[in-house]
């Protein structure tokens, strides 16, 4: 359970908030006092997340948005500010993972992955930063992956997630003196619906778990705990950091 309500009076915008890491972060921040805007193209899942946020006594706003479109990204930030009066935290987690080497990846697949995993983060941050400056500052926590830190992932995914890392660093440097912090997490394999489907074979799942020195997959709640810390005032002198949350996967060099 959270130790304190670190986000009382704060407003968070979560993209990809209908499920997985986005939902876990929305619930975690709400449990610590934040009002939460949940942006996703999956409205049914978004409504479920909103109910979980409201279960913690906080206000929730569902926004249907395709973050690969500038008009949608700008509108979702505007709707958040219109509803809550400010924006303090952005967690742009909308993304996808498609495997394949450069030779296996066609142009359409490349554009889809890079648009969602990198361009969507860029657009979400672009409009969120403008709103944060109006509120006196804020915190952005982006999502890369262990796949963005090594060459074992699919070509498009690895390229996009590596791009998220340096995009985050660039934003951190550019906006540090404007009281906008930007940090990045790099999760290992986590129990989400997508990953659990990929690892439906028990033997395959055991092999992937064994690559993590801790011997298991992570949970969305463990990722959410790291995000909550980086978004909180407890991390007030941390910006431009890239934090593996991976059970030791990257440290092992596997």
C-alpha atoms as a PDB file:
ATOM      1  CA  UNK A   1       0.000   0.000   0.000  1.00  0.00           C
ATOM      2  CA  UNK A   2       1.220   3.555  -0.661  1.00  0.00           C
ATOM      3  CA  UNK A   3       2.935   5.166   2.306  1.00  0.00           C
ATOM      4  CA  UNK A   4       1.502   8.624   1.726  1.00  0.00           C
ATOM      5  CA  UNK A   5      -0.805  10.539  -0.565  1.00  0.00           C
ATOM      6  CA  UNK A   6       1.924  12.136  -2.609  1.00  0.00           C
ATOM      7  CA  UNK A   7      -0.425  13.349  -5.339  1.00  0.00           C
ATOM      8  CA  UNK A   8      -3.137  15.174  -3.410  1.00  0.00           C
ATOM      9  CA  UNK A   9      -4.271  18.100  -5.548  1.00  0.00           C
ATOM     10  CA  UNK A  10      -2.402  16.782  -8.596  1.00  0.00           C
ATOM     11  CA  UNK A  11      -3.770  15.841 -12.016  1.00  0.00           C
ATOM     12  CA  UNK A  12      -2.373  12.991 -14.104  1.00  0.00           C
ATOM     13  CA  UNK A  13      -2.924  12.121 -17.759  1.00  0.00           C
ATOM     14  CA  UNK A  14      -2.349   8.504 -18.725  1.00  0.00           C
ATOM     15  CA  UNK A  15      -2.269   7.390 -22.356  1.00  0.00           C
ATOM     16  CA  UNK A  16      -2.878   3.714 -22.996  1.00  0.00           C
ATOM     17  CA  UNK A  17      -4.835   3.854 -19.749  1.00  0.00           C
ATOM     18  CA  UNK A  18      -7.415   1.220 -20.674  1.00  0.00           C
ATOM     19  CA  UNK A  19      -5.243  -1.719 -19.636  1.00  0.00           C
ATOM     20  CA  UNK A  20      -1.816  -2.977 -18.643  1.00  0.00           C
ATOM     21  CA  UNK A  21       0.760  -0.565 -17.299  1.00  0.00           C
ATOM     22  CA  UNK A  22      -1.431   2.454 -18.022  1.00  0.00           C
ATOM     23  CA  UNK A  23      -4.259   1.130 -15.890  1.00  0.00           C
ATOM     24  CA  UNK A  24      -1.906   0.150 -13.064  1.00  0.00           C
ATOM     25  CA  UNK A  25      -0.343   3.623 -12.999  1.00  0.00           C
ATOM     26  CA  UNK A  26      -3.750   5.329 -13.116  1.00  0.00           C
ATOM     27  CA  UNK A  27      -4.923   3.317 -10.126  1.00  0.00           C
ATOM     28  CA  UNK A  28      -1.693   3.838  -8.206  1.00  0.00           C
ATOM     29  CA  UNK A  29      -1.721   7.611  -8.662  1.00  0.00           C
ATOM     30  CA  UNK A  30      -5.409   7.761  -7.741  1.00  0.00           C
ATOM     31  CA  UNK A  31      -4.709   5.771  -4.583  1.00  0.00           C
ATOM     32  CA  UNK A  32      -2.257   8.526  -3.659  1.00  0.00           C
ATOM     33  CA  UNK A  33      -4.665  11.376  -4.308  1.00  0.00           C
ATOM     34  CA  UNK A  34      -4.463  12.241  -8.014  1.00  0.00           C
ATOM     35  CA  UNK A  35      -7.378  12.977 -10.282  1.00  0.00           C
ATOM     36  CA  UNK A  36      -6.775  11.061 -13.496  1.00  0.00           C
ATOM     37  CA  UNK A  37      -7.544  11.513 -17.182  1.00  0.00           C
ATOM     38  CA  UNK A  38      -7.536   8.158 -18.975  1.00  0.00           C
ATOM     39  CA  UNK A  39      -6.830   8.396 -22.713  1.00  0.00           C
ATOM     40  CA  UNK A  40      -7.182   5.415 -25.023  1.00  0.00           C
ATOM     41  CA  UNK A  41      -8.923   4.231 -28.187  1.00  0.00           C
ATOM     42  CA  UNK A  42     -10.386   1.364 -26.126  1.00  0.00           C
ATOM     43  CA  UNK A  43     -13.337   3.120 -24.515  1.00  0.00           C
ATOM     44  CA  UNK A  44     -14.704   0.044 -22.726  1.00  0.00           C
ATOM     45  CA  UNK A  45     -11.353  -0.637 -21.075  1.00  0.00           C
ATOM     46  CA  UNK A  46     -10.982   3.056 -20.331  1.00  0.00           C
ATOM     47  CA  UNK A  47     -14.304   3.101 -18.545  1.00  0.00           C
ATOM     48  CA  UNK A  48     -13.185   0.189 -16.390  1.00  0.00           C
ATOM     49  CA  UNK A  49     -10.031   2.062 -15.450  1.00  0.00           C
ATOM     50  CA  UNK A  50     -12.080   5.154 -14.617  1.00  0.00           C
ATOM     51  CA  UNK A  51     -14.240   3.117 -12.262  1.00  0.00           C
ATOM     52  CA  UNK A  52     -11.130   1.857 -10.485  1.00  0.00           C
ATOM     53  CA  UNK A  53      -9.870   5.435 -10.131  1.00  0.00           C
ATOM     54  CA  UNK A  54     -13.227   6.542  -8.749  1.00  0.00           C
ATOM     55  CA  UNK A  55     -13.117   3.633  -6.327  1.00  0.00           C
ATOM     56  CA  UNK A  56     -10.288   5.500  -4.614  1.00  0.00           C
ATOM     57  CA  UNK A  57     -12.492   8.550  -4.235  1.00  0.00           C
ATOM     58  CA  UNK A  58     -10.823  10.484  -7.025  1.00  0.00           C
ATOM     59  CA  UNK A  59     -12.256  12.029 -10.184  1.00  0.00           C
ATOM     60  CA  UNK A  60     -11.684  10.318 -13.524  1.00  0.00           C
ATOM     61  CA  UNK A  61     -12.084  11.510 -17.086  1.00  0.00           C
ATOM     62  CA  UNK A  62     -12.248   9.203 -20.102  1.00  0.00           C
ATOM     63  CA  UNK A  63     -10.845  10.623 -23.337  1.00  0.00           C
ATOM     64  CA  UNK A  64     -10.912   8.759 -26.624  1.00  0.00           C
ATOM     65  CA  UNK A  65      -7.699   9.689 -28.373  1.00  0.00           C
ATOM     66  CA  UNK A  66      -5.339   8.353 -31.008  1.00  0.00           C
ATOM     67  CA  UNK A  67      -1.991   9.694 -29.838  1.00  0.00           C
ATOM     68  CA  UNK A  68      -0.433   9.293 -33.286  1.00  0.00           C
ATOM     69  CA  UNK A  69      -2.570  12.231 -34.426  1.00  0.00           C
ATOM     70  CA  UNK A  70      -1.555  15.741 -33.337  1.00  0.00           C
ATOM     71  CA  UNK A  71      -5.155  16.935 -33.201  1.00  0.00           C
ATOM     72  CA  UNK A  72      -6.089  14.123 -30.796  1.00  0.00           C
ATOM     73  CA  UNK A  73      -3.002  14.629 -28.646  1.00  0.00           C
ATOM     74  CA  UNK A  74      -3.672  18.345 -28.320  1.00  0.00           C
ATOM     75  CA  UNK A  75      -7.357  17.770 -27.618  1.00  0.00           C
ATOM     76  CA  UNK A  76      -6.739  15.206 -24.878  1.00  0.00           C
ATOM     77  CA  UNK A  77      -4.496  17.653 -23.035  1.00  0.00           C
ATOM     78  CA  UNK A  78      -7.011  20.464 -23.504  1.00  0.00           C
ATOM     79  CA  UNK A  79      -9.850  18.274 -22.204  1.00  0.00           C
ATOM     80  CA  UNK A  80      -7.779  17.300 -19.172  1.00  0.00           C
ATOM     81  CA  UNK A  81      -7.047  20.921 -18.305  1.00  0.00           C
ATOM     82  CA  UNK A  82     -10.652  21.957 -18.976  1.00  0.00           C
ATOM     83  CA  UNK A  83     -11.918  19.264 -16.602  1.00  0.00           C
ATOM     84  CA  UNK A  84      -9.360  19.564 -13.803  1.00  0.00           C
ATOM     85  CA  UNK A  85      -7.798  23.006 -14.212  1.00  0.00           C
ATOM     86  CA  UNK A  86      -4.204  21.867 -14.569  1.00  0.00           C
ATOM     87  CA  UNK A  87      -1.836  19.052 -15.581  1.00  0.00           C
ATOM     88  CA  UNK A  88       0.941  17.824 -13.311  1.00  0.00           C
ATOM     89  CA  UNK A  89       1.869  14.300 -14.434  1.00  0.00           C
ATOM     90  CA  UNK A  90       2.009  12.607 -17.830  1.00  0.00           C
ATOM     91  CA  UNK A  91       2.509   8.877 -18.308  1.00  0.00           C
ATOM     92  CA  UNK A  92       2.419   8.268 -22.079  1.00  0.00           C
ATOM     93  CA  UNK A  93       2.195   4.483 -22.117  1.00  0.00           C
ATOM     94  CA  UNK A  94       0.202   3.864 -25.309  1.00  0.00           C
ATOM     95  CA  UNK A  95       2.294   1.502 -27.381  1.00  0.00           C
ATOM     96  CA  UNK A  96       2.642  -1.760 -29.206  1.00  0.00           C
ATOM     97  CA  UNK A  97       5.223  -4.460 -29.759  1.00  0.00           C
ATOM     98  CA  UNK A  98       5.745  -6.119 -33.133  1.00  0.00           C
ATOM     99  CA  UNK A  99       8.706  -8.429 -33.642  1.00  0.00           C
ATOM    100  CA  UNK A 100      10.724  -9.112 -36.738  1.00  0.00           C
ATOM    101  CA  UNK A 101      14.115  -8.294 -38.187  1.00  0.00           C
ATOM    102  CA  UNK A 102      14.667  -5.486 -40.661  1.00  0.00           C
ATOM    103  CA  UNK A 103      14.195  -8.014 -43.454  1.00  0.00           C
ATOM    104  CA  UNK A 104      10.968  -9.334 -41.919  1.00  0.00           C
ATOM    105  CA  UNK A 105       9.469  -5.891 -41.268  1.00  0.00           C
ATOM    106  CA  UNK A 106       7.572  -4.182 -44.057  1.00  0.00           C
ATOM    107  CA  UNK A 107       7.080  -0.437 -44.323  1.00  0.00           C
ATOM    108  CA  UNK A 108       3.531  -0.550 -42.987  1.00  0.00           C
ATOM    109  CA  UNK A 109       4.588  -2.456 -39.851  1.00  0.00           C
ATOM    110  CA  UNK A 110       7.526  -0.080 -39.321  1.00  0.00           C
ATOM    111  CA  UNK A 111       5.326   2.998 -39.579  1.00  0.00           C
ATOM    112  CA  UNK A 112       2.703   1.524 -37.228  1.00  0.00           C
ATOM    113  CA  UNK A 113       5.181   0.680 -34.478  1.00  0.00           C
ATOM    114  CA  UNK A 114       7.274   3.845 -34.730  1.00  0.00           C
ATOM    115  CA  UNK A 115       4.181   6.056 -34.961  1.00  0.00           C
ATOM    116  CA  UNK A 116       2.618   4.595 -31.827  1.00  0.00           C
ATOM    117  CA  UNK A 117       5.699   3.880 -29.729  1.00  0.00           C
ATOM    118  CA  UNK A 118       7.688   7.026 -30.538  1.00  0.00           C
ATOM    119  CA  UNK A 119       5.656   9.644 -32.390  1.00  0.00           C
ATOM    120  CA  UNK A 120       2.762   9.152 -29.958  1.00  0.00           C
ATOM    121  CA  UNK A 121       5.074   9.860 -27.034  1.00  0.00           C
ATOM    122  CA  UNK A 122       6.465  12.938 -28.788  1.00  0.00           C
ATOM    123  CA  UNK A 123       3.008  14.376 -29.479  1.00  0.00           C
ATOM    124  CA  UNK A 124       1.677  13.589 -25.999  1.00  0.00           C
ATOM    125  CA  UNK A 125       4.678  15.277 -24.390  1.00  0.00           C
ATOM    126  CA  UNK A 126       4.616  18.250 -26.748  1.00  0.00           C
ATOM    127  CA  UNK A 127       1.146  19.359 -25.674  1.00  0.00           C
ATOM    128  CA  UNK A 128       1.491  18.200 -22.067  1.00  0.00           C
ATOM    129  CA  UNK A 129       4.612  20.299 -21.528  1.00  0.00           C
ATOM    130  CA  UNK A 130       2.775  23.414 -22.688  1.00  0.00           C
ATOM    131  CA  UNK A 131       0.038  22.743 -20.127  1.00  0.00           C
ATOM    132  CA  UNK A 132       2.550  21.946 -17.389  1.00  0.00           C
ATOM    133  CA  UNK A 133       4.300  25.258 -17.936  1.00  0.00           C
ATOM    134  CA  UNK A 134       0.961  26.982 -17.302  1.00  0.00           C
ATOM    135  CA  UNK A 135       0.694  25.042 -14.020  1.00  0.00           C
ATOM    136  CA  UNK A 136       4.207  25.911 -12.851  1.00  0.00           C
ATOM    137  CA  UNK A 137       5.835  22.628 -13.869  1.00  0.00           C
ATOM    138  CA  UNK A 138       5.243  18.920 -13.885  1.00  0.00           C
ATOM    139  CA  UNK A 139       6.655  15.441 -14.282  1.00  0.00           C
ATOM    140  CA  UNK A 140       6.737  13.152 -17.303  1.00  0.00           C
ATOM    141  CA  UNK A 141       7.566   9.462 -17.014  1.00  0.00           C
ATOM    142  CA  UNK A 142       7.973   7.745 -20.367  1.00  0.00           C
ATOM    143  CA  UNK A 143       8.074   4.021 -21.083  1.00  0.00           C
ATOM    144  CA  UNK A 144      10.902   2.452 -23.023  1.00  0.00           C
ATOM    145  CA  UNK A 145      11.787  -1.214 -22.536  1.00  0.00           C
ATOM    146  CA  UNK A 146      14.681  -3.563 -22.048  1.00  0.00           C
ATOM    147  CA  UNK A 147      14.200  -3.917 -25.805  1.00  0.00           C
ATOM    148  CA  UNK A 148      15.196  -0.283 -26.222  1.00  0.00           C
ATOM    149  CA  UNK A 149      18.477  -0.904 -24.409  1.00  0.00           C
ATOM    150  CA  UNK A 150      19.727  -3.948 -26.316  1.00  0.00           C
ATOM    151  CA  UNK A 151      19.520  -5.507 -29.774  1.00  0.00           C
ATOM    152  CA  UNK A 152      17.390  -8.554 -29.033  1.00  0.00           C
ATOM    153  CA  UNK A 153      13.987  -7.038 -29.743  1.00  0.00           C
ATOM    154  CA  UNK A 154      12.270  -6.626 -33.101  1.00  0.00           C
ATOM    155  CA  UNK A 155      13.817  -3.938 -35.296  1.00  0.00           C
ATOM    156  CA  UNK A 156      10.960  -1.424 -35.261  1.00  0.00           C
ATOM    157  CA  UNK A 157      10.246  -1.888 -31.557  1.00  0.00           C
ATOM    158  CA  UNK A 158      13.911  -1.628 -30.577  1.00  0.00           C
ATOM    159  CA  UNK A 159      14.379   1.506 -32.672  1.00  0.00           C
ATOM    160  CA  UNK A 160      11.263   3.207 -31.349  1.00  0.00           C
ATOM    161  CA  UNK A 161      11.957   2.371 -27.706  1.00  0.00           C
ATOM    162  CA  UNK A 162      15.579   3.505 -28.004  1.00  0.00           C
ATOM    163  CA  UNK A 163      14.194   6.716 -29.446  1.00  0.00           C
ATOM    164  CA  UNK A 164      11.995   7.166 -26.381  1.00  0.00           C
ATOM    165  CA  UNK A 165      15.092   7.043 -24.172  1.00  0.00           C
ATOM    166  CA  UNK A 166      16.853   9.912 -25.925  1.00  0.00           C
ATOM    167  CA  UNK A 167      13.647  11.863 -26.479  1.00  0.00           C
ATOM    168  CA  UNK A 168      13.217  11.767 -22.710  1.00  0.00           C
ATOM    169  CA  UNK A 169      16.764  12.955 -22.108  1.00  0.00           C
ATOM    170  CA  UNK A 170      16.307  15.762 -24.607  1.00  0.00           C
ATOM    171  CA  UNK A 171      13.122  16.951 -22.900  1.00  0.00           C
ATOM    172  CA  UNK A 172      14.782  16.724 -19.499  1.00  0.00           C
ATOM    173  CA  UNK A 173      17.630  19.000 -20.556  1.00  0.00           C
ATOM    174  CA  UNK A 174      15.434  21.427 -22.487  1.00  0.00           C
ATOM    175  CA  UNK A 175      12.895  21.975 -19.726  1.00  0.00           C
ATOM    176  CA  UNK A 176      14.832  21.450 -16.487  1.00  0.00           C
ATOM    177  CA  UNK A 177      14.866  25.164 -15.645  1.00  0.00           C
ATOM    178  CA  UNK A 178      11.150  25.386 -16.313  1.00  0.00           C
ATOM    179  CA  UNK A 179      10.434  22.881 -13.536  1.00  0.00           C
ATOM    180  CA  UNK A 180       9.389  20.121 -15.928  1.00  0.00           C
ATOM    181  CA  UNK A 181      11.124  16.831 -15.184  1.00  0.00           C
ATOM    182  CA  UNK A 182      11.292  13.915 -17.637  1.00  0.00           C
ATOM    183  CA  UNK A 183      12.427  10.414 -16.749  1.00  0.00           C
ATOM    184  CA  UNK A 184      12.149   7.047 -18.450  1.00  0.00           C
ATOM    185  CA  UNK A 185      11.506   3.534 -17.198  1.00  0.00           C
ATOM    186  CA  UNK A 186      12.643   0.385 -19.016  1.00  0.00           C
ATOM    187  CA  UNK A 187      10.488  -2.538 -17.917  1.00  0.00           C
ATOM    188  CA  UNK A 188      11.456  -6.151 -18.344  1.00  0.00           C
ATOM    189  CA  UNK A 189       8.831  -8.775 -19.083  1.00  0.00           C
ATOM    190  CA  UNK A 190       5.710  -7.920 -17.113  1.00  0.00           C
ATOM    191  CA  UNK A 191       2.432  -9.782 -16.643  1.00  0.00           C
ATOM    192  CA  UNK A 192       0.100  -7.920 -19.004  1.00  0.00           C
ATOM    193  CA  UNK A 193      -2.585  -9.356 -21.236  1.00  0.00           C
ATOM    194  CA  UNK A 194      -0.373  -8.961 -24.303  1.00  0.00           C
ATOM    195  CA  UNK A 195       2.698 -10.547 -22.721  1.00  0.00           C
ATOM    196  CA  UNK A 196       0.719 -13.355 -21.128  1.00  0.00           C
ATOM    197  CA  UNK A 197      -0.721 -14.188 -24.558  1.00  0.00           C
ATOM    198  CA  UNK A 198       2.778 -14.257 -26.058  1.00  0.00           C
ATOM    199  CA  UNK A 199       3.926 -16.486 -23.189  1.00  0.00           C
ATOM    200  CA  UNK A 200       0.909 -18.795 -23.189  1.00  0.00           C
ATOM    201  CA  UNK A 201       3.193 -21.817 -23.541  1.00  0.00           C
ATOM    202  CA  UNK A 202       4.362 -22.715 -20.003  1.00  0.00           C
ATOM    203  CA  UNK A 203       7.818 -23.770 -21.186  1.00  0.00           C
ATOM    204  CA  UNK A 204       8.343 -20.514 -23.065  1.00  0.00           C
ATOM    205  CA  UNK A 205       7.109 -18.540 -20.060  1.00  0.00           C
ATOM    206  CA  UNK A 206       9.530 -20.373 -17.757  1.00  0.00           C
ATOM    207  CA  UNK A 207      12.425 -19.647 -20.124  1.00  0.00           C
ATOM    208  CA  UNK A 208      11.625 -15.929 -20.228  1.00  0.00           C
ATOM    209  CA  UNK A 209      11.201 -15.774 -16.455  1.00  0.00           C
ATOM    210  CA  UNK A 210      14.575 -17.458 -15.996  1.00  0.00           C
ATOM    211  CA  UNK A 211      16.302 -14.697 -17.995  1.00  0.00           C
ATOM    212  CA  UNK A 212      15.500 -12.350 -15.145  1.00  0.00           C
ATOM    213  CA  UNK A 213      17.902 -12.900 -12.217  1.00  0.00           C
ATOM    214  CA  UNK A 214      14.961 -12.632  -9.838  1.00  0.00           C
ATOM    215  CA  UNK A 215      13.465 -15.644 -11.611  1.00  0.00           C
ATOM    216  CA  UNK A 216      10.041 -14.241 -12.409  1.00  0.00           C
ATOM    217  CA  UNK A 217       8.125 -11.738 -14.482  1.00  0.00           C
ATOM    218  CA  UNK A 218       7.205  -8.386 -12.997  1.00  0.00           C
ATOM    219  CA  UNK A 219       3.730  -7.114 -12.232  1.00  0.00           C
ATOM    220  CA  UNK A 220       2.067  -3.938 -13.490  1.00  0.00           C
ATOM    221  CA  UNK A 221       1.833  -2.792  -9.876  1.00  0.00           C
ATOM    222  CA  UNK A 222       5.632  -2.987  -9.502  1.00  0.00           C
ATOM    223  CA  UNK A 223       6.055  -0.807 -12.580  1.00  0.00           C
ATOM    224  CA  UNK A 224       3.440   1.599 -11.224  1.00  0.00           C
ATOM    225  CA  UNK A 225       5.370   1.945  -7.964  1.00  0.00           C
ATOM    226  CA  UNK A 226       8.471   3.064  -9.871  1.00  0.00           C
ATOM    227  CA  UNK A 227       6.462   5.494 -11.978  1.00  0.00           C
ATOM    228  CA  UNK A 228       4.809   6.974  -8.889  1.00  0.00           C
ATOM    229  CA  UNK A 229       8.203   7.604  -7.320  1.00  0.00           C
ATOM    230  CA  UNK A 230       9.638   9.308 -10.402  1.00  0.00           C
ATOM    231  CA  UNK A 231       6.516  11.448 -10.772  1.00  0.00           C
ATOM    232  CA  UNK A 232       6.491  12.457  -7.111  1.00  0.00           C
ATOM    233  CA  UNK A 233       8.209  15.298  -5.285  1.00  0.00           C
ATOM    234  CA  UNK A 234      10.433  12.649  -3.722  1.00  0.00           C
ATOM    235  CA  UNK A 235      12.261  12.576  -7.052  1.00  0.00           C
ATOM    236  CA  UNK A 236      12.474  16.364  -7.314  1.00  0.00           C
ATOM    237  CA  UNK A 237      16.187  16.338  -8.268  1.00  0.00           C
ATOM    238  CA  UNK A 238      15.919  13.475 -10.741  1.00  0.00           C
ATOM    239  CA  UNK A 239      15.509  14.282 -14.410  1.00  0.00           C
ATOM    240  CA  UNK A 240      16.851  12.642 -17.536  1.00  0.00           C
ATOM    241  CA  UNK A 241      17.194   9.314 -15.715  1.00  0.00           C
ATOM    242  CA  UNK A 242      16.668   5.968 -17.433  1.00  0.00           C
ATOM    243  CA  UNK A 243      15.581   3.391 -14.875  1.00  0.00           C
ATOM    244  CA  UNK A 244      15.467  -0.352 -15.629  1.00  0.00           C
ATOM    245  CA  UNK A 245      12.599  -1.983 -13.747  1.00  0.00           C
ATOM    246  CA  UNK A 246      13.399  -5.474 -14.902  1.00  0.00           C
ATOM    247  CA  UNK A 247      14.255  -7.881 -12.105  1.00  0.00           C
ATOM    248  CA  UNK A 248      17.947  -7.539 -12.996  1.00  0.00           C
ATOM    249  CA  UNK A 249      17.555  -8.491 -16.671  1.00  0.00           C
ATOM    250  CA  UNK A 250      19.814  -5.804 -18.154  1.00  0.00           C
ATOM    251  CA  UNK A 251      22.386  -6.126 -15.388  1.00  0.00           C
ATOM    252  CA  UNK A 252      22.765  -9.826 -16.167  1.00  0.00           C
ATOM    253  CA  UNK A 253      23.685  -9.193 -19.813  1.00  0.00           C
ATOM    254  CA  UNK A 254      21.479 -12.081 -20.941  1.00  0.00           C
END
